[in-house]
Amino acid sequence: MELFADLHLHSKYSRAVSKNMDLVEIASWAKKKGIGLVATGDWMHTIWFREVKSQLEEGGEGVYQLKVKNEKFKVENDQGSSDEDAFRDVRFLLSTEISSIYSQAGKQHRVHTLVFAPNFSIAERINIELLKRGCNLASDGRPIVGLSPRDVAELAFTVSDRCLVIPAHAWTPHFSVFGSRGGFDSIAECFGGLSDSIFAVETGLSSDPLMNWRIPELERRAIVSFSDAHSGPKLGREVTVFQTVTSKYEIRNPKQLSNSKFEIQNITYDDIYWAIAERFLGRNEGNLKIASTIEFYPEEGKYHYDGHRDCGVVQSPEETRKRGTTCHVCGRLLTVGVMYRVDQLSDLQSRNLQAQKNTDSVGVAYFFHPTDKTRPAYVMLVPLMEILSEVHHSGLSSNIIQNEYNSLISIFGSEFAVLLKVGLSDLERLKGERFATAIKKVRTGEITINPGYDGTFGKVAIWGEGEKKSDKQMTLF
């Protein structure tokens, strides 16, 4: 069995998040994407915690499902756009993000941390302890606190040693453990004596596992990937794929991709805990392991390269080493991106590490650690709507893109089935040669990307300039 999990997202109570992001919206998009386990997000928020607790029921020890009596089910069903049982197939895990902004040794730090709780009782006790320390849990879904990540971890572990604490988007310049602005040079420096309880780091959109493999401190830690979604369509930009320890789940029908109903009912919080902790602790007492991660192309992330958005300055790490970290247009400091920061913290030997590439039966390229076979593989993908946008020369929100997306989900069951499992001949037969070619290019990495920098997403081009000109001429003809 394969379980696609997205365990970092936000609710409607977080800043800059869609007001549609309630539990039914999250479950609906998880189902479309092919995600079987999804974060509740934001359980530290006072109102959201009450909503989540009232609308979910246990669907397995420490994981939850939507209750049958949910008012929004009726609205959705009346519109004929969703199915109550399908929504209840999606499981929720109590995962949230907390923002630490504080000073240490005369330097200000800003670090975001994920906290997974084994059940509502433990989550509620953590919230009570945060309130005792003067934290405002009603102001934002991702609360800003004056506690250090070490303090947050100590609080969580004191309530329950079964909590998981994971540095969020570990390389983002402004709010992460390794960030060039406000971060640290090591997990040990950030978490002190509790660093041995930090079992994993989240890649974030601007880094991939290969980049993280280059850091000696991460050799014993799991590399996990989640979407940090602020709206339904952004779910699944990155996911971690878990697999049963005893046997591999064979996909005979792409619509089965999100796991059978029977199997997902057996998932527990402890299964996730042990899958993530296994590498560090050297043992696994659960029923799952990390099989792979699905990654955003890191170049598409908005902090991959160094730069200054206001001046349109963008630099590769090599250019920054030559020209420095000062903007040559205005003289202010550049935002040093993820690639440069990874180089800073890696040694010369690991900096040259290259992943091995293998292609499966439908042409999906999987990347493996060149020497450590215990490392899970990873895949790099472009979201389906972005692919459709380029295929049809149309904006993401246009009717044609929305209709095509929903048509593909209806036929093949989920977005991940289309991106990873369906044969190209079937895609061509049903959706045309151009679409099948686009999927092939994404699967094999035959695309070009202008890297993102200083808060600007990178730009993906499935067809190069020469191919685009030819395509336009053929369309005209």
Protein backbone atom coordinates (compact mmCIF):
# COMPACT_ATOMS: atom_id res chain seq x y z
CA MET A 1 0.00 0.00 0.00
CA GLU A 2 1.14 3.53 -0.79
CA LEU A 3 -0.13 6.39 1.34
CA PHE A 4 0.31 9.90 -0.06
CA ALA A 5 0.52 12.35 2.85
CA ASP A 6 0.53 16.15 2.96
CA LEU A 7 1.12 17.11 6.58
CA HIS A 8 1.76 20.86 6.35
CA LEU A 9 -1.01 23.24 5.30
CA HIS A 10 -3.03 26.12 6.70
CA SER A 11 -6.65 26.86 7.55
CA LYS A 12 -8.79 29.90 6.82
CA TYR A 13 -7.57 31.38 10.12
CA SER A 14 -4.01 31.95 8.90
CA ARG A 15 -2.82 35.10 7.15
CA ALA A 16 -2.86 35.07 3.34
CA VAL A 17 -4.90 31.86 3.21
CA SER A 18 -8.08 31.22 1.22
CA LYS A 19 -11.23 31.73 3.27
CA ASN A 20 -12.49 28.46 1.75
CA MET A 21 -9.89 26.43 3.64
CA ASP A 22 -12.14 24.52 6.01
CA LEU A 23 -12.07 20.76 6.61
CA VAL A 24 -14.44 19.81 3.80
CA GLU A 25 -12.49 21.95 1.32
CA ILE A 26 -9.25 20.31 2.44
CA ALA A 27 -10.75 16.81 2.22
CA SER A 28 -12.26 17.53 -1.20
CA TRP A 29 -8.94 18.67 -2.68
CA ALA A 30 -7.04 15.87 -0.96
CA LYS A 31 -9.33 13.40 -2.70
CA LYS A 32 -8.79 15.09 -6.08
CA LYS A 33 -5.04 15.05 -5.61
CA GLY A 34 -4.85 11.42 -4.46
CA ILE A 35 -3.81 12.26 -0.89
CA GLY A 36 -4.94 9.76 1.76
CA LEU A 37 -3.60 11.55 4.85
CA VAL A 38 -3.65 15.32 5.29
CA ALA A 39 -2.87 17.79 8.06
CA THR A 40 -5.59 19.59 9.96
CA GLY A 41 -3.22 22.56 10.06
CA ASP A 42 -3.39 25.37 12.62
CA TRP A 43 -4.64 23.37 15.62
CA MET A 44 -2.99 25.89 17.94
CA HIS A 45 -5.55 28.49 16.85
CA THR A 46 -8.28 28.77 19.49
CA ILE A 47 -11.33 28.84 17.19
CA TRP A 48 -9.96 26.41 14.59
CA PHE A 49 -9.15 23.89 17.34
CA ARG A 50 -12.79 23.94 18.46
CA GLU A 51 -14.01 23.52 14.88
CA VAL A 52 -11.64 20.67 14.14
CA LYS A 53 -12.50 18.89 17.37
CA SER A 54 -16.24 19.19 16.75
CA GLN A 55 -16.13 18.14 13.08
CA LEU A 56 -13.73 15.19 13.24
CA GLU A 57 -13.99 11.78 14.80
CA GLU A 58 -11.32 9.15 15.28
CA GLY A 59 -10.82 7.00 12.20
CA GLY A 60 -7.85 5.13 13.63
CA GLU A 61 -5.73 5.70 16.71
CA GLY A 62 -4.50 9.31 16.47
CA VAL A 63 -5.89 9.95 12.97
CA TYR A 64 -9.30 11.41 12.21
CA GLN A 65 -12.07 11.55 9.63
CA LEU A 66 -14.93 13.91 8.96
CA LYS A 67 -18.11 13.14 10.85
CA VAL A 68 -21.10 12.06 8.79
CA LYS A 69 -23.27 14.86 10.17
CA ASN A 70 -21.45 17.79 8.60
CA GLU A 71 -23.58 20.62 7.27
CA LYS A 72 -21.29 21.31 4.34
CA PHE A 73 -21.74 17.75 3.08
CA LYS A 74 -25.38 18.63 2.40
CA VAL A 75 -24.47 21.76 0.45
CA GLU A 76 -21.83 19.98 -1.60
CA ASN A 77 -24.05 16.98 -2.28
CA ASP A 78 -26.96 19.20 -3.36
CA GLN A 79 -24.63 20.69 -5.95
CA GLY A 80 -23.62 17.20 -7.05
CA SER A 81 -19.93 18.04 -6.72
CA SER A 82 -18.77 15.68 -4.00
CA ASP A 83 -19.50 12.48 -2.13
CA GLU A 84 -19.76 12.07 1.63
CA ASP A 85 -18.14 8.63 1.71
CA ALA A 86 -15.29 9.80 -0.51
CA PHE A 87 -14.56 12.69 1.86
CA ARG A 88 -14.53 10.28 4.79
CA ASP A 89 -11.87 8.17 3.06
CA VAL A 90 -9.43 11.04 3.70
CA ARG A 91 -7.74 10.90 7.09
CA PHE A 92 -6.51 13.90 9.10
CA LEU A 93 -3.48 14.15 11.39
CA LEU A 94 -3.03 16.89 14.00
CA SER A 95 -0.21 18.94 12.50
CA THR A 96 0.41 22.66 12.91
CA GLU A 97 3.10 25.29 12.36
CA ILE A 98 4.38 27.77 14.94
CA SER A 99 6.53 30.85 14.31
CA SER A 100 9.34 31.63 16.76
CA ILE A 101 10.66 35.21 16.62
CA TYR A 102 13.16 35.91 19.38
CA SER A 103 16.72 36.98 20.19
CA GLN A 104 19.55 34.70 21.21
CA ALA A 105 23.16 35.71 21.85
CA GLY A 106 22.44 39.19 20.52
CA LYS A 107 20.99 37.98 17.21
CA GLN A 108 17.36 37.88 16.16
CA HIS A 109 16.10 34.52 14.92
CA ARG A 110 12.94 33.66 13.02
CA VAL A 111 12.21 29.96 12.71
CA HIS A 112 9.05 28.06 11.78
CA THR A 113 8.47 24.64 13.29
CA LEU A 114 5.94 21.87 12.65
CA VAL A 115 4.41 20.10 15.64
CA PHE A 116 2.49 16.81 15.26
CA ALA A 117 0.28 15.77 18.19
CA PRO A 118 -0.86 12.16 18.82
CA ASN A 119 -4.43 13.14 19.75
CA PHE A 120 -6.74 16.01 20.72
CA SER A 121 -6.05 15.66 24.43
CA ILE A 122 -2.32 16.20 23.98
CA ALA A 123 -2.85 19.03 21.47
CA GLU A 124 -5.16 20.78 23.95
CA ARG A 125 -2.62 20.43 26.77
CA ILE A 126 0.08 21.96 24.57
CA ASN A 127 -2.23 24.88 23.81
CA ILE A 128 -2.87 25.39 27.53
CA GLU A 129 0.87 25.47 28.23
CA LEU A 130 1.41 28.01 25.44
CA LEU A 131 -1.34 30.22 26.87
CA LYS A 132 0.29 30.03 30.30
CA ARG A 133 3.45 31.44 28.71
CA GLY A 134 1.56 34.42 27.34
CA CYS A 135 1.26 33.21 23.72
CA ASN A 136 -1.61 34.70 21.72
CA LEU A 137 -3.26 31.72 20.02
CA ALA A 138 -6.24 33.64 18.63
CA SER A 139 -4.40 36.15 16.45
CA ASP A 140 -3.30 33.85 13.61
CA GLY A 141 -3.49 30.20 12.59
CA ARG A 142 0.29 30.07 12.65
CA PRO A 143 0.91 31.77 16.01
CA ILE A 144 3.90 34.05 16.49
CA VAL A 145 5.58 33.41 19.82
CA GLY A 146 8.64 34.68 21.64
CA LEU A 147 9.68 31.13 22.49
CA SER A 148 12.67 29.56 20.77
CA PRO A 149 12.22 26.36 18.74
CA ARG A 150 14.01 24.58 21.57
CA ASP A 151 11.45 25.95 24.06
CA VAL A 152 8.61 24.86 21.77
CA ALA A 153 10.10 21.38 21.45
CA GLU A 154 10.65 21.10 25.20
CA LEU A 155 7.06 22.12 25.87
CA ALA A 156 5.69 19.58 23.36
CA PHE A 157 7.91 16.72 24.55
CA THR A 158 7.07 17.46 28.19
CA VAL A 159 3.38 17.02 27.40
CA SER A 160 4.07 13.88 25.34
CA ASP A 161 7.24 12.23 24.11
CA ARG A 162 5.13 10.98 21.20
CA CYS A 163 4.95 14.45 19.64
CA LEU A 164 6.98 15.08 16.51
CA VAL A 165 8.82 18.37 16.09
CA ILE A 166 10.14 19.07 12.58
CA PRO A 167 11.84 22.24 11.26
CA ALA A 168 9.48 23.63 8.59
CA HIS A 169 10.77 24.50 5.08
CA ALA A 170 14.24 24.20 6.56
CA TRP A 171 16.05 26.47 4.07
CA THR A 172 13.68 29.39 3.46
CA PRO A 173 15.77 32.57 3.96
CA HIS A 174 13.46 34.41 6.36
CA PHE A 175 11.77 31.81 8.58
CA SER A 176 13.69 28.57 8.93
CA VAL A 177 16.32 26.70 10.88
CA PHE A 178 18.97 27.05 8.14
CA GLY A 179 17.69 30.32 6.65
CA SER A 180 20.23 32.88 5.50
CA ARG A 181 18.31 35.55 7.46
CA GLY A 182 17.37 34.65 11.01
CA GLY A 183 18.44 31.02 10.98
CA PHE A 184 21.22 28.90 12.41
CA ASP A 185 24.10 26.91 10.98
CA SER A 186 22.95 23.66 12.55
CA ILE A 187 20.05 21.88 14.21
CA ALA A 188 22.26 21.39 17.26
CA GLU A 189 22.76 25.17 17.54
CA CYS A 190 19.01 25.77 17.24
CA PHE A 191 17.62 22.98 19.44
CA GLY A 192 20.53 22.51 21.85
CA GLY A 193 20.23 19.43 24.03
CA LEU A 194 16.97 18.45 22.33
CA SER A 195 18.51 18.09 18.87
CA ASP A 196 18.53 14.30 19.24
CA SER A 197 14.74 14.44 19.35
CA ILE A 198 14.52 16.16 15.96
CA PHE A 199 14.13 13.23 13.59
CA ALA A 200 13.46 14.99 10.27
CA VAL A 201 13.50 18.24 8.31
CA GLU A 202 11.01 19.48 5.72
CA THR A 203 12.59 20.35 2.36
CA GLY A 204 10.40 23.33 1.43
CA LEU A 205 9.65 24.22 -2.17
CA SER A 206 13.11 25.60 -2.95
CA SER A 207 15.15 22.53 -2.00
CA ASP A 208 15.03 18.84 -2.85
CA PRO A 209 16.38 15.74 -1.03
CA LEU A 210 19.66 15.80 -2.97
CA MET A 211 20.44 19.26 -1.60
CA ASN A 212 19.65 18.06 1.93
CA TRP A 213 21.75 14.90 1.47
CA ARG A 214 24.75 17.20 1.14
CA ILE A 215 24.51 18.30 4.78
CA PRO A 216 26.41 15.95 7.16
CA GLU A 217 24.08 16.80 10.06
CA LEU A 218 21.10 15.47 8.08
CA GLU A 219 22.67 12.10 7.33
CA ARG A 220 20.75 10.43 10.17
CA ARG A 221 17.54 12.39 9.69
CA ALA A 222 14.53 11.75 7.48
CA ILE A 223 13.79 14.18 4.64
CA VAL A 224 10.07 14.91 4.38
CA SER A 225 8.15 17.08 1.94
CA PHE A 226 4.74 18.73 2.27
CA SER A 227 2.90 21.50 0.40
CA ASP A 228 2.50 24.33 2.96
CA ALA A 229 -0.72 24.95 1.02
CA HIS A 230 -2.70 28.17 1.53
CA SER A 231 -5.55 27.08 -0.77
CA GLY A 232 -7.09 23.82 -1.93
CA PRO A 233 -5.47 23.68 -5.39
CA LYS A 234 -2.01 24.00 -3.79
CA LEU A 235 -2.37 20.78 -1.80
CA GLY A 236 0.06 18.10 -2.90
CA ARG A 237 2.66 20.41 -4.44
CA GLU A 238 4.93 18.26 -2.34
CA VAL A 239 4.04 15.08 -0.45
CA THR A 240 5.70 12.25 1.44
CA VAL A 241 4.75 8.78 0.24
CA PHE A 242 4.54 6.14 2.96
CA GLN A 243 4.52 2.43 2.21
CA THR A 244 3.58 -0.60 4.26
CA VAL A 245 6.61 -2.26 5.82
CA THR A 246 5.50 -5.81 5.05
CA SER A 247 4.62 -5.62 1.35
CA LYS A 248 4.45 -3.18 -1.54
CA TYR A 249 0.96 -2.11 -2.59
CA GLU A 250 0.58 -2.92 -6.28
CA ILE A 251 -1.44 -0.40 -8.29
CA ARG A 252 -3.63 -2.28 -10.77
CA ASN A 253 -6.05 0.56 -11.36
CA PRO A 254 -4.95 4.23 -11.14
CA LYS A 255 -8.14 5.01 -9.23
CA GLN A 256 -6.75 2.91 -6.36
CA LEU A 257 -3.81 5.25 -5.94
CA SER A 258 -5.06 6.82 -2.70
CA ASN A 259 -5.26 3.43 -0.94
CA SER A 260 -8.17 1.08 -0.46
CA LYS A 261 -10.77 2.05 2.13
CA PHE A 262 -9.92 -1.00 4.23
CA GLU A 263 -6.21 -0.27 4.36
CA ILE A 264 -6.44 3.43 5.24
CA GLN A 265 -8.75 2.60 8.13
CA ASN A 266 -5.84 0.75 9.73
CA ILE A 267 -3.43 3.73 9.71
CA THR A 268 -2.48 5.14 13.12
CA TYR A 269 -0.48 8.10 14.37
CA ASP A 270 2.20 5.71 15.61
CA ASP A 271 2.67 4.40 12.06
CA ILE A 272 3.58 7.92 10.92
CA TYR A 273 5.69 8.57 14.01
CA TRP A 274 7.86 5.50 13.52
CA ALA A 275 8.20 5.95 9.76
CA ILE A 276 9.64 9.44 10.36
CA ALA A 277 11.71 8.48 13.43
CA GLU A 278 13.08 5.23 11.98
CA ARG A 279 16.23 6.61 10.42
CA PHE A 280 17.37 8.45 13.55
CA LEU A 281 16.34 5.83 16.10
CA GLY A 282 17.42 2.84 14.02
CA ARG A 283 14.19 0.92 14.55
CA ASN A 284 10.58 0.94 13.40
CA GLU A 285 7.74 -0.25 15.62
CA GLY A 286 5.01 0.84 13.19
CA ASN A 287 3.53 -0.52 9.98
CA LEU A 288 4.75 2.18 7.57
CA LYS A 289 8.05 3.44 6.19
CA ILE A 290 8.92 6.43 4.00
CA ALA A 291 9.03 5.14 0.42
CA SER A 292 9.67 8.38 -1.47
CA THR A 293 8.86 12.07 -1.66
CA ILE A 294 7.28 14.04 -4.48
CA GLU A 295 8.98 17.36 -4.98
CA PHE A 296 8.30 20.72 -6.57
CA TYR A 297 11.18 21.39 -8.95
CA PRO A 298 13.36 23.36 -6.49
CA GLU A 299 14.21 25.91 -9.19
CA GLU A 300 10.50 26.76 -9.29
CA GLY A 301 10.56 27.66 -5.58
CA LYS A 302 10.64 31.37 -4.84
CA TYR A 303 13.93 31.36 -2.93
CA HIS A 304 16.10 28.99 -4.94
CA TYR A 305 18.61 31.58 -6.24
CA ASP A 306 19.98 34.76 -4.68
CA GLY A 307 18.56 38.09 -5.72
CA HIS A 308 16.82 41.38 -5.18
CA ARG A 309 13.31 41.47 -6.61
CA ASP A 310 12.93 45.28 -6.60
CA CYS A 311 15.98 45.65 -8.86
CA GLY A 312 15.38 42.53 -10.94
CA VAL A 313 18.74 41.13 -9.86
CA VAL A 314 19.08 37.34 -9.77
CA GLN A 315 22.31 35.42 -9.23
CA SER A 316 23.38 31.78 -9.13
CA PRO A 317 25.58 30.69 -6.20
CA GLU A 318 28.61 30.83 -8.50
CA GLU A 319 27.82 34.42 -9.45
CA THR A 320 27.30 35.39 -5.81
CA ARG A 321 30.65 33.94 -4.84
CA LYS A 322 32.23 36.20 -7.47
CA ARG A 323 30.11 39.34 -7.03
CA GLY A 324 29.21 39.15 -3.34
CA THR A 325 25.86 39.42 -1.57
CA THR A 326 25.33 43.14 -2.22
CA CYS A 327 22.94 44.23 -4.97
CA HIS A 328 25.03 45.87 -7.70
CA VAL A 329 22.07 48.12 -8.63
CA CYS A 330 21.05 49.68 -5.29
CA GLY A 331 23.79 48.59 -2.89
CA ARG A 332 21.48 46.82 -0.44
CA LEU A 333 21.89 43.20 0.66
CA LEU A 334 20.53 40.51 -1.61
CA THR A 335 18.24 37.82 -0.25
CA VAL A 336 20.62 34.86 -0.19
CA GLY A 337 18.73 31.88 -1.54
CA VAL A 338 18.58 28.20 -0.72
CA MET A 339 21.13 26.88 -3.20
CA TYR A 340 23.87 29.22 -1.96
CA ARG A 341 23.01 28.43 1.67
CA VAL A 342 23.20 24.69 1.04
CA ASP A 343 26.66 25.19 -0.48
CA GLN A 344 27.68 27.19 2.60
CA LEU A 345 26.77 24.42 5.03
CA SER A 346 28.02 21.46 2.99
CA ASP A 347 31.64 20.35 2.64
CA LEU A 348 33.43 20.25 -0.72
CA GLN A 349 33.06 16.49 -1.07
CA SER A 350 29.31 16.40 -0.47
CA ARG A 351 28.78 19.53 -2.60
CA ASN A 352 29.55 17.43 -5.67
CA LEU A 353 27.08 14.68 -4.74
CA GLN A 354 24.88 13.67 -7.68
CA ALA A 355 21.69 11.60 -7.60
CA GLN A 356 21.23 8.46 -9.67
CA LYS A 357 18.30 8.51 -12.04
CA ASN A 358 16.10 5.54 -12.89
CA THR A 359 12.95 5.56 -14.98
CA ASP A 360 9.94 3.36 -14.28
CA SER A 361 7.59 1.62 -16.72
CA VAL A 362 5.56 4.76 -17.52
CA GLY A 363 8.58 7.03 -17.85
CA VAL A 364 8.62 8.67 -14.41
CA ALA A 365 12.18 9.59 -13.37
CA TYR A 366 13.06 8.57 -9.81
CA PHE A 367 16.20 9.95 -8.16
CA PHE A 368 18.24 7.91 -5.68
CA HIS A 369 21.16 8.55 -3.35
CA PRO A 370 24.27 7.33 -5.23
CA THR A 371 25.66 5.26 -2.36
CA ASP A 372 23.14 5.09 0.50
CA LYS A 373 20.37 2.72 -0.59
CA THR A 374 18.47 3.27 2.65
CA ARG A 375 17.60 6.79 1.49
CA PRO A 376 14.09 7.04 -0.01
CA ALA A 377 13.94 8.09 -3.65
CA TYR A 378 12.25 11.23 -4.88
CA VAL A 379 10.33 12.43 -7.94
CA MET A 380 10.11 15.99 -9.27
CA LEU A 381 6.79 17.08 -10.77
CA VAL A 382 4.93 20.12 -12.03
CA PRO A 383 1.32 20.52 -10.75
CA LEU A 384 -1.28 19.32 -13.25
CA MET A 385 -3.00 22.70 -13.59
CA GLU A 386 0.30 24.34 -14.54
CA ILE A 387 0.82 21.67 -17.20
CA LEU A 388 -2.69 22.21 -18.57
CA SER A 389 -2.12 25.96 -18.60
CA GLU A 390 0.86 25.58 -20.90
CA VAL A 391 -0.83 22.93 -23.05
CA HIS A 392 -3.86 25.16 -23.67
CA HIS A 393 -2.13 28.57 -23.56
CA SER A 394 -4.63 29.64 -20.91
CA GLY A 395 -4.60 30.99 -17.36
CA LEU A 396 -4.90 28.70 -14.35
CA SER A 397 -8.32 30.06 -13.39
CA SER A 398 -9.83 29.87 -16.89
CA ASN A 399 -12.83 27.66 -17.53
CA ILE A 400 -10.96 25.49 -20.02
CA ILE A 401 -8.26 24.62 -17.46
CA GLN A 402 -10.78 23.94 -14.71
CA ASN A 403 -12.91 21.78 -17.01
CA GLU A 404 -9.93 19.82 -18.32
CA TYR A 405 -8.61 19.28 -14.80
CA ASN A 406 -11.95 17.98 -13.52
CA SER A 407 -12.32 15.77 -16.60
CA LEU A 408 -8.95 14.13 -15.96
CA ILE A 409 -9.77 13.56 -12.28
CA SER A 410 -13.11 12.02 -13.25
CA ILE A 411 -11.49 9.64 -15.74
CA PHE A 412 -8.35 8.61 -13.86
CA GLY A 413 -9.29 9.14 -10.20
CA SER A 414 -6.70 11.64 -9.00
CA GLU A 415 -4.02 14.12 -10.02
CA PHE A 416 -1.21 11.84 -8.89
CA ALA A 417 -2.63 9.01 -10.99
CA VAL A 418 -2.38 11.26 -14.07
CA LEU A 419 1.10 12.50 -13.22
CA LEU A 420 2.61 9.19 -12.10
CA LYS A 421 0.65 6.12 -13.12
CA VAL A 422 -1.37 6.42 -16.33
CA GLY A 423 0.28 5.24 -19.55
CA LEU A 424 1.10 7.91 -22.15
CA SER A 425 -0.88 6.05 -24.82
CA ASP A 426 -4.02 6.30 -22.69
CA LEU A 427 -3.44 10.00 -22.08
CA GLU A 428 -2.90 10.63 -25.78
CA ARG A 429 -5.98 8.63 -26.78
CA LEU A 430 -8.24 10.53 -24.39
CA LYS A 431 -6.63 14.00 -24.23
CA GLY A 432 -4.48 14.36 -27.32
CA GLU A 433 -0.83 14.17 -28.31
CA ARG A 434 0.11 17.59 -26.99
CA PHE A 435 -1.06 16.78 -23.47
CA ALA A 436 0.63 13.36 -23.48
CA THR A 437 3.86 14.98 -24.66
CA ALA A 438 3.68 17.53 -21.86
CA ILE A 439 3.24 14.79 -19.23
CA LYS A 440 6.17 12.87 -20.75
CA LYS A 441 8.41 15.94 -20.57
CA VAL A 442 7.52 16.59 -16.93
CA ARG A 443 8.03 12.94 -15.97
CA THR A 444 11.48 12.83 -17.54
CA GLY A 445 12.56 16.36 -16.56
CA GLU A 446 12.83 17.63 -20.14
CA ILE A 447 11.70 21.11 -19.16
CA THR A 448 13.38 24.44 -18.52
CA ILE A 449 12.97 26.67 -15.47
CA ASN A 450 14.08 30.20 -14.81
CA PRO A 451 14.95 29.88 -11.09
CA GLY A 452 12.93 31.71 -8.47
CA TYR A 453 14.54 34.32 -6.21
CA ASP A 454 13.70 36.79 -3.42
CA GLY A 455 10.03 35.79 -3.17
CA THR A 456 9.47 35.34 -6.92
CA PHE A 457 8.47 31.88 -8.12
CA GLY A 458 10.53 30.35 -10.91
CA LYS A 459 8.97 30.10 -14.36
CA VAL A 460 8.49 26.65 -15.87
CA ALA A 461 8.60 26.11 -19.62
CA ILE A 462 7.63 22.65 -20.84
CA TRP A 463 8.42 23.64 -24.41
CA GLY A 464 11.62 25.51 -25.23
CA GLU A 465 11.64 28.66 -27.35
CA GLY A 466 12.24 26.77 -30.58
CA GLU A 467 9.46 24.31 -29.81
CA LYS A 468 7.09 27.17 -28.89
CA LYS A 469 7.70 28.95 -32.20
CA SER A 470 7.09 25.72 -34.10
CA ASP A 471 3.96 25.08 -32.07
CA LYS A 472 2.58 28.56 -32.79
CA GLN A 473 3.26 28.14 -36.51
CA MET A 474 1.47 24.80 -36.55
CA THR A 475 -1.48 26.27 -34.65
CA LEU A 476 -1.68 29.15 -37.14
CA PHE A 477 -1.42 26.76 -40.08
